[in-house]
Amino acid sequence: MHRMEATEHESTLEHALDVARANAKQAKLLVEHARAGLAAGDVSPERVSQLEELQRIADEDLLRVTREQ
């Protein structure tokens, strides 16, 4: 039974890592698009700042999950 619990735990950590990577990637894309929108006058500087903060949090989460791996 102990072996099964370890396998489930590894699967959970692997899933968390996959989710954290996807979130960080998506946050990066959102920031890139927002910056392009800012240059075009379609997005406010405040929105870019919000998305940059989101990216910072996603990157921190990815780092945290990577350490737990």
N, C-alpha and C. Protein backbone atom coordinates (compact mmCIF):
# COMPACT_ATOMS: atom_id res chain seq x y z
N MET A 1 0.81 -1.19 0.00
CA MET A 1 0.00 0.00 0.00
C MET A 1 0.86 1.26 0.00
N HIS A 2 1.95 1.23 0.70
CA HIS A 2 2.82 2.40 0.75
C HIS A 2 3.30 2.78 -0.65
N ARG A 3 3.63 1.79 -1.45
CA ARG A 3 4.09 2.05 -2.82
C ARG A 3 2.99 2.73 -3.64
N MET A 4 1.77 2.32 -3.48
CA MET A 4 0.65 2.92 -4.21
C MET A 4 0.48 4.39 -3.82
N GLU A 5 0.60 4.70 -2.54
CA GLU A 5 0.49 6.09 -2.09
C GLU A 5 1.58 6.94 -2.71
N ALA A 6 2.79 6.42 -2.78
CA ALA A 6 3.91 7.16 -3.37
C ALA A 6 3.64 7.43 -4.84
N THR A 7 3.10 6.44 -5.54
CA THR A 7 2.79 6.62 -6.96
C THR A 7 1.72 7.68 -7.15
N GLU A 8 0.70 7.66 -6.34
CA GLU A 8 -0.35 8.67 -6.43
C GLU A 8 0.22 10.05 -6.13
N HIS A 9 1.09 10.13 -5.15
CA HIS A 9 1.70 11.42 -4.79
C HIS A 9 2.53 11.95 -5.95
N GLU A 10 3.33 11.08 -6.58
CA GLU A 10 4.12 11.50 -7.72
C GLU A 10 3.23 11.99 -8.85
N SER A 11 2.14 11.30 -9.08
CA SER A 11 1.21 11.71 -10.14
C SER A 11 0.62 13.08 -9.84
N THR A 12 0.30 13.31 -8.58
CA THR A 12 -0.26 14.60 -8.18
C THR A 12 0.77 15.71 -8.37
N LEU A 13 2.01 15.45 -7.98
CA LEU A 13 3.06 16.45 -8.17
C LEU A 13 3.33 16.70 -9.65
N GLU A 14 3.31 15.64 -10.43
CA GLU A 14 3.50 15.81 -11.87
C GLU A 14 2.37 16.64 -12.47
N HIS A 15 1.16 16.38 -12.03
CA HIS A 15 0.02 17.15 -12.51
C HIS A 15 0.15 18.61 -12.10
N ALA A 16 0.54 18.85 -10.85
CA ALA A 16 0.72 20.22 -10.37
C ALA A 16 1.79 20.94 -11.19
N LEU A 17 2.85 20.23 -11.53
CA LEU A 17 3.92 20.82 -12.35
C LEU A 17 3.41 21.15 -13.75
N ASP A 18 2.65 20.26 -14.33
CA ASP A 18 2.07 20.51 -15.66
C ASP A 18 1.16 21.74 -15.63
N VAL A 19 0.33 21.83 -14.61
CA VAL A 19 -0.58 22.98 -14.49
C VAL A 19 0.20 24.26 -14.28
N ALA A 20 1.21 24.23 -13.42
CA ALA A 20 2.01 25.43 -13.16
C ALA A 20 2.75 25.89 -14.42
N ARG A 21 3.27 24.94 -15.18
CA ARG A 21 3.94 25.30 -16.44
C ARG A 21 2.97 25.94 -17.42
N ALA A 22 1.80 25.34 -17.54
CA ALA A 22 0.79 25.88 -18.46
C ALA A 22 0.35 27.28 -18.03
N ASN A 23 0.17 27.48 -16.74
CA ASN A 23 -0.24 28.78 -16.23
C ASN A 23 0.83 29.84 -16.50
N ALA A 24 2.09 29.48 -16.28
CA ALA A 24 3.19 30.43 -16.51
C ALA A 24 3.28 30.77 -18.00
N LYS A 25 3.11 29.78 -18.84
CA LYS A 25 3.16 30.00 -20.29
C LYS A 25 2.01 30.91 -20.73
N GLN A 26 0.81 30.64 -20.22
CA GLN A 26 -0.35 31.46 -20.59
C GLN A 26 -0.19 32.88 -20.08
N ALA A 27 0.31 33.04 -18.88
CA ALA A 27 0.52 34.39 -18.32
C ALA A 27 1.51 35.16 -19.18
N LYS A 28 2.57 34.50 -19.62
CA LYS A 28 3.56 35.16 -20.48
C LYS A 28 2.92 35.63 -21.78
N LEU A 29 2.10 34.78 -22.38
CA LEU A 29 1.42 35.16 -23.62
C LEU A 29 0.47 36.34 -23.41
N LEU A 30 -0.24 36.33 -22.29
CA LEU A 30 -1.15 37.43 -21.99
C LEU A 30 -0.40 38.75 -21.85
N VAL A 31 0.76 38.70 -21.19
CA VAL A 31 1.56 39.92 -21.03
C VAL A 31 2.07 40.39 -22.39
N GLU A 32 2.55 39.47 -23.20
CA GLU A 32 3.04 39.85 -24.53
C GLU A 32 1.95 40.51 -25.36
N HIS A 33 0.76 39.93 -25.34
CA HIS A 33 -0.36 40.50 -26.11
C HIS A 33 -0.79 41.84 -25.53
N ALA A 34 -0.77 41.95 -24.22
CA ALA A 34 -1.14 43.21 -23.59
C ALA A 34 -0.15 44.31 -23.93
N ARG A 35 1.11 43.98 -23.95
CA ARG A 35 2.14 44.98 -24.30
C ARG A 35 1.97 45.43 -25.75
N ALA A 36 1.64 44.49 -26.62
CA ALA A 36 1.39 44.85 -28.02
C ALA A 36 0.14 45.73 -28.09
N GLY A 37 -0.87 45.38 -27.31
CA GLY A 37 -2.09 46.19 -27.27
C GLY A 37 -1.83 47.57 -26.72
N LEU A 38 -0.96 47.67 -25.75
CA LEU A 38 -0.59 48.98 -25.19
C LEU A 38 0.08 49.83 -26.26
N ALA A 39 0.98 49.23 -27.02
CA ALA A 39 1.68 49.95 -28.09
C ALA A 39 0.70 50.44 -29.15
N ALA A 40 -0.37 49.66 -29.36
CA ALA A 40 -1.37 50.03 -30.36
C ALA A 40 -2.44 50.96 -29.78
N GLY A 41 -2.39 51.20 -28.47
CA GLY A 41 -3.37 52.06 -27.84
C GLY A 41 -4.67 51.35 -27.47
N ASP A 42 -4.69 50.04 -27.52
CA ASP A 42 -5.90 49.28 -27.23
C ASP A 42 -6.00 48.79 -25.79
N VAL A 43 -4.88 48.82 -25.06
CA VAL A 43 -4.82 48.30 -23.70
C VAL A 43 -4.22 49.38 -22.80
N SER A 44 -4.77 49.50 -21.61
CA SER A 44 -4.27 50.51 -20.67
C SER A 44 -3.00 50.03 -19.97
N PRO A 45 -2.17 50.97 -19.53
CA PRO A 45 -0.98 50.59 -18.75
C PRO A 45 -1.34 49.83 -17.47
N GLU A 46 -2.49 50.16 -16.89
CA GLU A 46 -2.92 49.47 -15.68
C GLU A 46 -3.18 47.99 -15.95
N ARG A 47 -3.79 47.71 -17.09
CA ARG A 47 -4.06 46.31 -17.45
C ARG A 47 -2.76 45.55 -17.67
N VAL A 48 -1.81 46.19 -18.31
CA VAL A 48 -0.50 45.55 -18.51
C VAL A 48 0.12 45.24 -17.14
N SER A 49 0.04 46.19 -16.22
CA SER A 49 0.59 45.97 -14.87
C SER A 49 -0.10 44.81 -14.17
N GLN A 50 -1.41 44.73 -14.31
CA GLN A 50 -2.15 43.62 -13.70
C GLN A 50 -1.67 42.28 -14.25
N LEU A 51 -1.49 42.22 -15.55
CA LEU A 51 -1.07 40.97 -16.17
C LEU A 51 0.38 40.64 -15.85
N GLU A 52 1.21 41.65 -15.69
CA GLU A 52 2.59 41.42 -15.28
C GLU A 52 2.63 40.83 -13.86
N GLU A 53 1.74 41.32 -12.99
CA GLU A 53 1.64 40.77 -11.64
C GLU A 53 1.17 39.31 -11.70
N LEU A 54 0.21 39.04 -12.55
CA LEU A 54 -0.26 37.67 -12.75
C LEU A 54 0.89 36.77 -13.20
N GLN A 55 1.69 37.26 -14.12
CA GLN A 55 2.83 36.48 -14.60
C GLN A 55 3.84 36.25 -13.47
N ARG A 56 4.07 37.25 -12.66
CA ARG A 56 5.00 37.11 -11.54
C ARG A 56 4.52 36.00 -10.60
N ILE A 57 3.23 36.01 -10.31
CA ILE A 57 2.65 34.99 -9.41
C ILE A 57 2.74 33.61 -10.05
N ALA A 58 2.45 33.51 -11.32
CA ALA A 58 2.52 32.22 -12.02
C ALA A 58 3.95 31.69 -12.03
N ASP A 59 4.91 32.59 -12.24
CA ASP A 59 6.32 32.17 -12.24
C ASP A 59 6.74 31.71 -10.84
N GLU A 60 6.29 32.40 -9.81
CA GLU A 60 6.59 32.00 -8.44
C GLU A 60 5.99 30.62 -8.13
N ASP A 61 4.77 30.42 -8.59
CA ASP A 61 4.10 29.14 -8.36
C ASP A 61 4.86 28.02 -9.06
N LEU A 62 5.29 28.27 -10.28
CA LEU A 62 6.07 27.26 -11.01
C LEU A 62 7.36 26.94 -10.27
N LEU A 63 8.02 27.94 -9.76
CA LEU A 63 9.24 27.72 -8.99
C LEU A 63 8.96 26.89 -7.74
N ARG A 64 7.88 27.21 -7.05
CA ARG A 64 7.51 26.49 -5.83
C ARG A 64 7.23 25.01 -6.15
N VAL A 65 6.44 24.78 -7.18
CA VAL A 65 6.08 23.39 -7.54
C VAL A 65 7.32 22.63 -8.00
N THR A 66 8.21 23.30 -8.72
CA THR A 66 9.45 22.66 -9.18
C THR A 66 10.29 22.22 -8.00
N ARG A 67 10.36 23.06 -6.98
CA ARG A 67 11.13 22.71 -5.77
C ARG A 67 10.53 21.50 -5.07
N GLU A 68 9.21 21.39 -5.08
CA GLU A 68 8.53 20.27 -4.41
C GLU A 68 8.71 18.97 -5.17
N GLN A 69 9.00 19.07 -6.44
CA GLN A 69 9.14 17.91 -7.32
C GLN A 69 10.30 17.14 -6.90
